[in-house]
Protein backbone atom coordinates (compact mmCIF):
# COMPACT_ATOMS: atom_id res chain seq x y z
CA MET A 1 30.26 -1.27 -35.61
CA GLN A 2 32.43 -1.80 -32.54
CA LEU A 3 31.61 0.12 -29.40
CA THR A 4 34.25 2.33 -27.85
CA ALA A 5 35.47 1.71 -24.31
CA HIS A 6 33.58 4.83 -23.18
CA ALA A 7 30.34 3.63 -24.76
CA LYS A 8 30.67 0.23 -23.14
CA LYS A 9 31.26 1.88 -19.78
CA GLN A 10 28.17 4.07 -20.20
CA ILE A 11 26.02 1.09 -21.15
CA ASN A 12 27.26 -0.72 -18.06
CA GLU A 13 26.39 2.29 -15.86
CA TYR A 14 22.83 2.35 -17.24
CA TYR A 15 22.59 -1.39 -16.71
CA ARG A 16 23.75 -1.11 -13.08
CA LEU A 17 21.25 1.71 -12.54
CA THR A 18 18.46 -0.88 -12.82
CA LYS A 19 19.84 -2.79 -9.80
CA PRO A 20 20.20 -6.10 -11.70
CA GLY A 21 20.57 -8.14 -8.50
CA ILE A 22 17.03 -7.16 -7.53
CA ILE A 23 15.76 -7.86 -11.05
CA TYR A 24 17.28 -11.35 -11.21
CA GLY A 25 16.02 -12.30 -7.77
CA ASN A 26 12.50 -11.19 -8.61
CA ALA A 27 12.68 -12.88 -12.00
CA LEU A 28 12.97 -16.21 -10.20
CA SER A 29 9.80 -15.52 -8.25
CA ILE A 30 7.96 -14.42 -11.41
CA ILE A 31 8.90 -17.72 -13.05
CA ALA A 32 7.76 -19.61 -9.95
CA GLY A 33 4.38 -17.88 -9.94
CA PHE A 34 3.90 -18.42 -13.66
CA LEU A 35 4.79 -22.12 -13.60
CA LEU A 36 2.67 -22.74 -10.49
CA ALA A 37 -0.31 -21.42 -12.44
CA CYS A 38 0.42 -23.58 -15.51
CA THR A 39 -1.60 -26.62 -14.52
CA HIS A 40 -2.62 -27.60 -18.07
CA HIS A 41 -0.93 -25.56 -20.80
CA PHE A 42 2.39 -23.73 -21.05
CA SER A 43 2.67 -20.85 -23.52
CA PRO A 44 6.29 -19.90 -24.34
CA THR A 45 5.13 -16.57 -25.78
CA LEU A 46 3.12 -15.62 -22.69
CA PHE A 47 5.95 -16.80 -20.45
CA ALA A 48 8.63 -14.73 -22.21
CA GLY A 49 6.38 -11.70 -22.53
CA THR A 50 5.36 -11.82 -18.88
CA LEU A 51 8.92 -12.18 -17.64
CA ILE A 52 10.34 -9.43 -19.85
CA SER A 53 7.52 -6.94 -19.25
CA ILE A 54 7.51 -7.29 -15.45
CA CYS A 55 11.31 -7.06 -15.35
CA LEU A 56 11.15 -3.85 -17.40
CA VAL A 57 8.66 -2.35 -14.94
CA MET A 58 10.87 -3.37 -12.01
CA ALA A 59 13.94 -1.92 -13.75
CA SER A 60 12.05 1.34 -14.19
CA GLY A 61 11.20 1.43 -10.50
CA CYS A 62 14.83 0.84 -9.56
CA VAL A 63 16.02 3.70 -11.76
CA PHE A 64 13.36 6.05 -10.35
CA ASN A 65 14.47 4.91 -6.88
CA ASN A 66 18.08 5.80 -7.69
CA VAL A 67 16.97 9.30 -8.65
CA LEU A 68 14.88 9.74 -5.52
CA ASP A 69 17.62 8.39 -3.21
CA ARG A 70 20.58 10.29 -4.69
CA LYS A 71 20.93 12.60 -1.66
CA ILE A 72 20.78 9.61 0.70
CA ASP A 73 23.16 7.52 -1.40
CA VAL A 74 25.90 10.12 -1.17
CA ARG A 75 26.03 9.57 2.62
CA MET A 76 26.50 5.78 2.47
CA ASP A 77 29.75 4.01 1.60
CA ARG A 78 28.13 1.27 -0.49
CA THR A 79 26.10 3.70 -2.63
CA LYS A 80 28.16 6.88 -2.89
CA THR A 81 29.75 5.75 -6.17
CA ARG A 82 26.44 5.10 -7.94
CA ALA A 83 26.18 6.68 -11.37
CA ILE A 84 23.73 9.46 -10.50
CA VAL A 85 25.55 10.36 -7.29
CA SER A 86 28.91 10.52 -9.04
CA GLY A 87 27.52 12.45 -12.01
CA LYS A 88 28.20 9.72 -14.59
CA ILE A 89 24.49 9.81 -15.47
CA SER A 90 22.46 12.99 -15.11
CA VAL A 91 19.15 13.11 -13.27
CA LYS A 92 17.41 14.15 -16.49
CA ASN A 93 18.80 11.21 -18.47
CA ALA A 94 17.98 8.80 -15.65
CA LEU A 95 14.37 10.01 -15.57
CA ILE A 96 14.07 9.63 -19.34
CA TYR A 97 15.55 6.15 -19.11
CA ALA A 98 13.19 5.13 -16.29
CA THR A 99 10.17 6.49 -18.17
CA ILE A 100 11.06 4.59 -21.33
CA LEU A 101 11.49 1.36 -19.35
CA ALA A 102 8.10 1.89 -17.65
CA LEU A 103 6.25 2.69 -20.87
CA LEU A 104 7.75 -0.29 -22.67
CA GLY A 105 7.06 -2.60 -19.73
CA PHE A 106 3.43 -1.55 -19.37
CA TYR A 107 2.89 -1.62 -23.13
CA LEU A 108 3.98 -5.26 -23.19
CA LEU A 109 1.97 -6.09 -20.06
CA MET A 110 -1.21 -4.63 -21.55
CA HIS A 111 -0.81 -6.44 -24.87
CA ILE A 112 0.43 -9.79 -23.57
CA THR A 113 -1.20 -10.36 -20.17
CA ASN A 114 -4.43 -9.03 -18.63
CA ASP A 115 -5.92 -6.17 -16.61
CA VAL A 116 -5.22 -7.81 -13.23
CA THR A 117 -1.51 -8.22 -14.00
CA VAL A 118 -1.24 -4.66 -15.33
CA LEU A 119 -2.87 -3.37 -12.13
CA LEU A 120 -0.43 -5.37 -9.98
CA GLY A 121 2.48 -3.89 -11.93
CA LEU A 122 1.14 -0.39 -11.36
CA ILE A 123 0.60 -0.99 -7.64
CA ALA A 124 4.12 -2.37 -7.27
CA LEU A 125 5.69 0.57 -9.12
CA VAL A 126 3.80 3.21 -7.12
CA ASP A 127 4.46 1.41 -3.84
CA TYR A 128 8.20 1.03 -4.44
CA VAL A 129 8.95 4.42 -5.96
CA LEU A 130 6.59 6.77 -4.13
CA ILE A 131 5.21 5.18 -0.96
CA TYR A 132 8.29 3.20 0.09
CA GLY A 133 10.64 5.85 -1.32
CA LEU A 134 9.16 8.45 1.00
CA ALA A 135 8.40 6.14 3.94
CA LYS A 136 12.01 4.97 4.30
CA ARG A 137 12.91 8.51 5.37
CA LYS A 138 10.16 8.74 7.98
CA THR A 139 9.13 5.44 9.51
CA ILE A 140 10.51 2.18 10.83
CA ARG A 141 7.67 0.44 8.95
CA SER A 142 9.17 1.22 5.54
CA THR A 143 10.41 -2.37 5.20
CA GLU A 144 6.86 -3.70 5.45
CA ILE A 145 5.73 -1.10 2.90
CA GLY A 146 8.52 -2.02 0.49
CA ALA A 147 7.78 -5.72 0.96
CA ILE A 148 4.45 -5.21 -0.82
CA ALA A 149 6.20 -4.31 -4.06
CA GLY A 150 8.71 -7.12 -3.61
CA SER A 151 5.97 -9.72 -3.06
CA LEU A 152 3.86 -8.83 -6.09
CA PRO A 153 6.12 -10.14 -8.93
CA PRO A 154 5.31 -13.84 -8.29
CA VAL A 155 1.63 -12.92 -7.94
CA ALA A 156 1.83 -11.10 -11.28
CA GLY A 157 3.50 -14.15 -12.80
CA PHE A 158 0.58 -16.24 -11.53
CA THR A 159 -2.17 -13.87 -12.69
CA ALA A 160 -0.59 -13.54 -16.13
CA VAL A 161 -1.75 -17.14 -16.63
CA THR A 162 -4.99 -17.19 -14.64
CA GLY A 163 -6.23 -13.62 -14.89
CA SER A 164 -7.37 -13.73 -11.26
CA ILE A 165 -6.00 -13.71 -7.71
CA THR A 166 -6.76 -17.04 -6.04
CA THR A 167 -5.44 -18.90 -2.99
CA PRO A 168 -2.06 -19.90 -4.52
CA ALA A 169 -1.39 -16.27 -5.45
CA ILE A 170 -2.19 -15.15 -1.91
CA LEU A 171 0.16 -17.79 -0.49
CA LEU A 172 2.91 -16.62 -2.85
CA PHE A 173 2.43 -13.08 -1.60
CA LEU A 174 2.53 -14.11 2.07
CA ALA A 175 5.56 -16.37 1.62
CA LEU A 176 7.57 -13.70 -0.18
CA THR A 177 6.55 -11.07 2.36
CA ALA A 178 7.78 -13.18 5.29
CA TRP A 179 10.97 -14.07 3.41
CA GLN A 180 11.67 -10.42 2.59
CA MET A 181 11.20 -9.27 6.17
CA ALA A 182 13.81 -11.73 7.44
CA HIS A 183 16.08 -11.03 4.45
CA PHE A 184 15.98 -7.24 4.70
CA TYR A 185 16.15 -7.13 8.48
CA ALA A 186 19.40 -9.10 8.15
CA ILE A 187 20.63 -6.45 5.70
CA ALA A 188 19.61 -3.76 8.19
CA LEU A 189 21.93 -5.38 10.73
CA PHE A 190 25.08 -5.76 8.65
CA ARG A 191 24.60 -2.35 7.01
CA HIS A 192 23.67 -0.68 10.28
CA ASN A 193 26.43 1.93 10.06
CA ASP A 194 25.45 2.96 6.54
CA TYR A 195 21.83 3.49 7.55
CA LEU A 196 22.92 5.34 10.67
CA SER A 197 25.12 7.67 8.58
CA ALA A 198 22.24 8.32 6.17
CA GLY A 199 19.84 9.04 9.01
CA LEU A 200 17.38 6.34 7.94
CA PRO A 201 15.05 4.97 10.66
CA VAL A 202 15.51 1.25 9.94
CA ILE A 203 14.78 -1.43 12.51
CA SER A 204 18.39 -1.98 13.61
CA VAL A 205 18.94 1.74 14.17
CA LYS A 206 15.72 2.41 16.06
CA ARG A 207 15.13 -0.85 17.95
CA GLY A 208 18.60 -2.32 18.29
CA VAL A 209 20.30 -5.61 17.47
CA ARG A 210 18.42 -7.95 19.81
CA THR A 211 14.97 -6.87 18.68
CA THR A 212 15.99 -7.17 15.03
CA GLN A 213 17.35 -10.68 15.60
CA LYS A 214 14.13 -11.78 17.33
CA LEU A 215 12.02 -10.44 14.46
CA ILE A 216 14.19 -12.22 11.90
CA LYS A 217 13.56 -15.52 13.70
CA LEU A 218 9.84 -14.75 13.88
CA TYR A 219 9.57 -14.09 10.15
CA ILE A 220 11.54 -17.24 9.30
CA GLY A 221 8.99 -19.16 11.36
CA ILE A 222 6.10 -17.47 9.53
CA PHE A 223 7.72 -18.27 6.19
CA PHE A 224 7.96 -21.94 7.15
CA VAL A 225 4.27 -22.10 8.08
CA VAL A 226 3.16 -20.38 4.87
CA VAL A 227 5.27 -22.49 2.50
CA LEU A 228 3.85 -25.67 4.04
CA LEU A 229 0.34 -24.47 3.20
CA PHE A 230 1.10 -25.06 -0.48
CA SER A 231 1.20 -28.76 0.33
CA VAL A 232 -1.76 -28.61 2.70
CA PHE A 233 -3.88 -27.26 -0.17
CA SER A 234 -2.33 -29.78 -2.61
CA TYR A 235 -0.64 -27.22 -4.85
CA THR A 236 2.64 -29.10 -4.45
CA GLY A 237 3.74 -32.65 -3.62
CA THR A 238 5.68 -34.58 -1.02
CA ILE A 239 9.14 -33.74 -2.40
CA TYR A 240 8.31 -30.02 -2.14
CA THR A 241 7.25 -30.52 1.49
CA VAL A 242 10.45 -32.35 2.40
CA ALA A 243 12.71 -29.88 0.59
CA LEU A 244 11.09 -26.77 2.07
CA THR A 245 10.98 -28.28 5.55
CA VAL A 246 14.69 -29.07 5.40
CA VAL A 247 15.74 -25.70 4.05
CA SER A 248 13.43 -23.70 6.35
CA VAL A 249 14.64 -25.54 9.47
CA TRP A 250 18.23 -25.09 8.28
CA TRP A 251 17.63 -21.33 7.87
CA TYR A 252 16.05 -21.11 11.31
CA LEU A 253 18.95 -22.98 12.91
CA LYS A 254 21.36 -20.51 11.29
CA ALA A 255 19.39 -17.69 12.90
CA LEU A 256 19.10 -19.53 16.21
CA LYS A 257 22.84 -19.48 16.83
CA SER A 258 23.48 -16.90 19.51
CA ALA A 259 25.49 -13.86 18.54
CA SER A 260 26.92 -11.14 20.70
CA ILE A 261 26.29 -7.52 19.79
CA ARG A 262 29.86 -7.35 18.52
CA ASP A 263 29.33 -10.35 16.21
CA SER A 264 25.90 -9.29 14.98
CA GLU A 265 27.20 -8.24 11.56
CA LYS A 266 28.72 -11.67 10.92
CA TRP A 267 25.55 -13.35 12.19
CA ALA A 268 23.38 -11.20 9.91
CA ARG A 269 25.51 -11.96 6.85
CA THR A 270 25.18 -15.68 7.56
CA VAL A 271 21.39 -15.41 7.82
CA PHE A 272 21.31 -13.22 4.69
CA LYS A 273 23.32 -15.71 2.61
CA ALA A 274 21.12 -18.56 3.84
CA SER A 275 18.03 -16.61 2.79
CA LEU A 276 19.26 -16.56 -0.82
CA ILE A 277 19.52 -20.36 -0.86
CA VAL A 278 16.06 -20.59 0.70
CA LEU A 279 14.60 -18.36 -2.03
CA LEU A 280 16.21 -20.42 -4.80
CA THR A 281 14.89 -23.62 -3.24
CA PHE A 282 11.40 -22.22 -2.77
CA CYS A 283 11.15 -20.89 -6.32
CA PHE A 284 12.40 -24.16 -7.84
CA PHE A 285 10.08 -26.45 -5.89
CA VAL A 286 7.06 -24.15 -6.23
CA SER A 287 7.67 -24.22 -9.99
CA PHE A 288 7.97 -27.98 -10.29
CA GLY A 289 6.72 -29.40 -6.97
CA ARG A 290 3.39 -30.51 -8.41
CA HIS A 291 5.18 -32.60 -11.05
CA LEU A 292 7.89 -34.08 -8.83
CA GLY A 293 5.48 -35.98 -6.63
């Protein structure tokens, strides 16, 4: 049976409601955490189940977030055409959709992984939807709060294999936290006007451009230190060390270039784009660094 144009459009709206860009980015970190933990045996079934179940939980959180943020989204240019805001998907249907995604995700997590991974999924969902969802309206520290949820997927990928949180999992969490802070502070700069219009107390609105730029550089430096610890503790090899040193220094140099207040948006977009390459590099070499030498 062939789908009508309207049906295809509706399916696409529900798909976009899950914020697929966030899902794909986090999927890379889940894979990295899982493969880092696979020191002896790789299970294709556990791998696929872990990846799918955590992505379903994240998709659920993103849909719930869309519902919660609908009155904010209407005030920002980049979000005012989202499906819930525009009425293409009702709040009721979005809530049903998010609930189904969550139930399916946690069902798979409970039957495929372990209690530790299920707990991490629950913490991430509650943090992103409720704690971060409310904090972003009230405090400048909402980015740090949201970073918790964003740093747990690779940890969950790791614990799906090991069943416990050990040093590599902690390093994954710290690395992703530092990366997210620099990444999202860059977004706060080039979307400053949107956040200002929505009345959200993000770093660029409350503390200004210069402070935000300094913090971005600080977090890039912290990221560099943390990623090198994987080699210090012999979780990765020499090629990993070289690759992450090169890409981290390159990212820092991008951020080091001076930018006037007027050019801060262009500067932030450059740092943001560089952060995506850094994440790809980190996830790849964390996954295979032990085997590359």
